[in-house]
């Protein structure tokens, strides 16, 4: 299993607890995933894994660009792993605020959905986009919100991974109830 993200923080930390033998790629392991070189190296490394999780909270659309590099590398090399992209339910919001984060997550969601059909209709990588509402590691930023426990969120990722190989779960969106 290959995971983008620092195993000391957030979703990657919880994934590390569940999958201690996974390979984690982040700046701390020599992968600057905000650079083309880092994305390309990650894409090449992805050819050695059957499950790839792109969970870094990258900015400036780098998470979508990372997915693009991984997907194209896999298709070019006839490698058909299960790629899981971690988004945010903010991808559904529409407001007048100038905030690029939700636009970045919308781009990730749209691109994930576009290429996920390749795993349904052709022999191409299987892709799942999963988005979460506010996770417990961000409780201090949103003290009035009910947050989803991060370990619980990762249990949904595990559930997706454990599904039969002949099933494609293209998208799941999970929010904690606020009442």
Protein backbone atom coordinates (compact mmCIF):
# COMPACT_ATOMS: atom_id res chain seq x y z
CA UNK A 1 0.00 0.00 0.00
CA UNK A 2 1.27 3.47 -0.94
CA UNK A 3 -0.05 6.53 0.87
CA UNK A 4 0.62 10.20 0.24
CA UNK A 5 0.87 12.01 3.53
CA UNK A 6 2.93 12.30 6.67
CA UNK A 7 2.32 9.30 8.92
CA UNK A 8 2.60 11.60 11.95
CA UNK A 9 -0.48 13.70 11.11
CA UNK A 10 -4.19 13.50 10.30
CA UNK A 11 -5.68 10.75 8.17
CA UNK A 12 -2.22 9.40 7.28
CA UNK A 13 -1.43 8.96 10.99
CA UNK A 14 -4.58 6.92 11.52
CA UNK A 15 -3.87 4.92 8.33
CA UNK A 16 -0.37 4.21 9.67
CA UNK A 17 -1.89 2.71 12.81
CA UNK A 18 -4.04 0.42 10.67
CA UNK A 19 -1.43 -0.29 7.97
CA UNK A 20 2.02 0.04 9.60
CA UNK A 21 3.76 -1.63 6.65
CA UNK A 22 2.42 0.87 4.11
CA UNK A 23 4.84 3.18 2.32
CA UNK A 24 4.19 6.84 3.22
CA UNK A 25 5.40 9.63 0.96
CA UNK A 26 5.62 13.24 2.12
CA UNK A 27 8.25 15.94 2.52
CA UNK A 28 9.51 14.09 5.60
CA UNK A 29 10.34 11.05 3.42
CA UNK A 30 11.87 13.09 0.59
CA UNK A 31 8.77 13.57 -1.57
CA UNK A 32 7.74 17.15 -2.19
CA UNK A 33 4.31 16.35 -3.62
CA UNK A 34 3.80 20.01 -4.48
CA UNK A 35 6.51 19.70 -7.14
CA UNK A 36 6.30 17.92 -10.46
CA UNK A 37 9.40 15.88 -9.58
CA UNK A 38 7.84 14.66 -6.33
CA UNK A 39 4.55 13.83 -8.05
CA UNK A 40 6.36 11.97 -10.83
CA UNK A 41 8.45 9.97 -8.31
CA UNK A 42 5.29 9.09 -6.38
CA UNK A 43 3.62 7.98 -9.64
CA UNK A 44 6.56 5.71 -10.45
CA UNK A 45 6.47 4.28 -6.91
CA UNK A 46 2.73 3.63 -7.35
CA UNK A 47 3.56 0.98 -9.96
CA UNK A 48 4.78 -1.24 -7.10
CA UNK A 49 1.51 -1.14 -5.15
CA UNK A 50 -2.01 -2.54 -5.49
CA UNK A 51 -3.62 0.14 -3.27
CA UNK A 52 -2.73 3.82 -3.50
CA UNK A 53 -4.27 6.37 -1.15
CA UNK A 54 -3.91 10.06 -1.98
CA UNK A 55 -4.78 11.73 1.29
CA UNK A 56 -2.48 14.71 1.59
CA UNK A 57 -4.23 18.04 2.03
CA UNK A 58 -2.19 19.54 -0.79
CA UNK A 59 -2.86 23.08 -2.01
CA UNK A 60 -2.85 24.79 -5.42
CA UNK A 61 -4.54 21.76 -7.02
CA UNK A 62 -1.50 19.55 -6.36
CA UNK A 63 -3.68 16.72 -5.05
CA UNK A 64 -5.51 16.60 -8.39
CA UNK A 65 -2.20 16.87 -10.25
CA UNK A 66 -0.80 14.01 -8.17
CA UNK A 67 -3.81 11.87 -9.06
CA UNK A 68 -3.28 12.75 -12.73
CA UNK A 69 0.38 11.63 -12.63
CA UNK A 70 -0.46 8.39 -10.80
CA UNK A 71 -3.37 7.52 -13.09
CA UNK A 72 -1.48 8.25 -16.31
CA UNK A 73 1.55 6.28 -15.12
CA UNK A 74 -0.63 3.30 -14.22
CA UNK A 75 -2.48 3.35 -17.55
CA UNK A 76 0.77 3.73 -19.51
CA UNK A 77 2.25 0.73 -17.68
CA UNK A 78 -0.92 -1.41 -17.74
CA UNK A 79 -1.04 -1.38 -13.92
CA UNK A 80 -4.51 -1.56 -12.40
CA UNK A 81 -4.38 -0.74 -8.69
CA UNK A 82 -7.17 0.62 -6.53
CA UNK A 83 -6.63 4.37 -6.16
CA UNK A 84 -8.45 6.10 -3.32
CA UNK A 85 -8.58 9.89 -3.21
CA UNK A 86 -9.54 11.67 0.00
CA UNK A 87 -11.52 14.83 -0.53
CA UNK A 88 -13.74 16.99 1.60
CA UNK A 89 -17.48 17.56 1.69
CA UNK A 90 -16.67 21.23 1.18
CA UNK A 91 -16.59 20.24 -2.50
CA UNK A 92 -20.37 20.72 -2.44
CA UNK A 93 -20.40 24.24 -1.03
CA UNK A 94 -21.20 27.30 -3.06
CA UNK A 95 -20.62 30.61 -1.37
CA UNK A 96 -19.42 34.06 -2.23
CA UNK A 97 -16.27 33.63 -0.17
CA UNK A 98 -12.92 33.79 -1.88
CA UNK A 99 -11.63 30.41 -0.74
CA UNK A 100 -9.69 28.15 -3.05
CA UNK A 101 -9.82 25.01 -0.84
CA UNK A 102 -13.38 24.09 -1.82
CA UNK A 103 -12.60 24.71 -5.51
CA UNK A 104 -9.55 22.45 -5.21
CA UNK A 105 -11.66 19.69 -3.67
CA UNK A 106 -14.34 20.16 -6.35
CA UNK A 107 -11.64 19.69 -9.00
CA UNK A 108 -10.40 16.53 -7.25
CA UNK A 109 -13.93 15.17 -7.01
CA UNK A 110 -14.74 15.94 -10.64
CA UNK A 111 -11.51 14.46 -11.96
CA UNK A 112 -11.83 11.40 -9.71
CA UNK A 113 -15.37 10.79 -10.95
CA UNK A 114 -14.33 11.25 -14.59
CA UNK A 115 -11.56 8.70 -14.50
CA UNK A 116 -13.30 6.25 -12.14
CA UNK A 117 -15.46 5.09 -15.03
CA UNK A 118 -12.34 3.66 -16.67
CA UNK A 119 -12.20 1.07 -13.90
CA UNK A 120 -15.84 0.19 -14.52
CA UNK A 121 -15.89 -0.09 -18.32
CA UNK A 122 -12.25 -0.76 -19.23
CA UNK A 123 -9.26 -2.50 -17.73
CA UNK A 124 -7.93 0.59 -16.01
CA UNK A 125 -7.25 1.47 -12.37
CA UNK A 126 -10.21 1.29 -10.02
CA UNK A 127 -10.77 4.64 -8.34
CA UNK A 128 -12.79 5.69 -5.30
CA UNK A 129 -13.32 9.27 -4.15
CA UNK A 130 -14.25 9.57 -0.48
CA UNK A 131 -15.02 12.88 1.15
CA UNK A 132 -15.44 13.65 4.81
CA UNK A 133 -16.95 16.56 6.69
CA UNK A 134 -14.92 18.14 9.46
CA UNK A 135 -12.67 15.55 11.09
CA UNK A 136 -11.74 15.46 14.77
CA UNK A 137 -8.19 16.64 14.08
CA UNK A 138 -9.71 20.02 13.08
CA UNK A 139 -11.98 20.41 16.12
CA UNK A 140 -9.99 23.40 17.39
CA UNK A 141 -10.60 25.27 14.10
CA UNK A 142 -14.35 24.60 14.35
CA UNK A 143 -15.20 24.38 18.08
CA UNK A 144 -18.96 24.66 17.49
CA UNK A 145 -19.15 21.76 15.01
CA UNK A 146 -19.65 18.11 15.68
CA UNK A 147 -16.71 16.37 14.04
CA UNK A 148 -16.20 12.90 12.66
CA UNK A 149 -13.66 10.90 14.63
CA UNK A 150 -10.61 10.50 12.40
CA UNK A 151 -10.17 6.81 13.26
CA UNK A 152 -13.81 6.22 12.36
CA UNK A 153 -13.23 7.97 9.03
CA UNK A 154 -10.28 5.68 8.34
CA UNK A 155 -12.47 2.65 9.10
CA UNK A 156 -14.57 3.69 6.07
CA UNK A 157 -11.42 3.77 3.94
CA UNK A 158 -10.60 0.26 5.16
CA UNK A 159 -14.14 -0.84 4.33
CA UNK A 160 -13.66 0.44 0.77
CA UNK A 161 -10.33 -1.40 0.45
CA UNK A 162 -11.90 -4.64 1.75
CA UNK A 163 -14.67 -4.72 -0.85
CA UNK A 164 -14.53 -7.43 -3.53
CA UNK A 165 -12.18 -6.70 -6.43
CA UNK A 166 -15.07 -6.90 -8.92
CA UNK A 167 -17.00 -4.05 -7.27
CA UNK A 168 -16.33 -0.37 -7.99
CA UNK A 169 -17.33 2.09 -5.30
CA UNK A 170 -16.88 5.32 -7.19
CA UNK A 171 -17.79 7.89 -4.56
CA UNK A 172 -18.81 8.20 -0.92
CA UNK A 173 -19.52 11.41 1.01
CA UNK A 174 -19.73 11.30 4.82
CA UNK A 175 -20.76 14.13 7.15
CA UNK A 176 -21.32 14.04 10.90
CA UNK A 177 -24.83 15.15 11.87
CA UNK A 178 -24.85 18.60 13.44
CA UNK A 179 -27.87 18.13 15.72
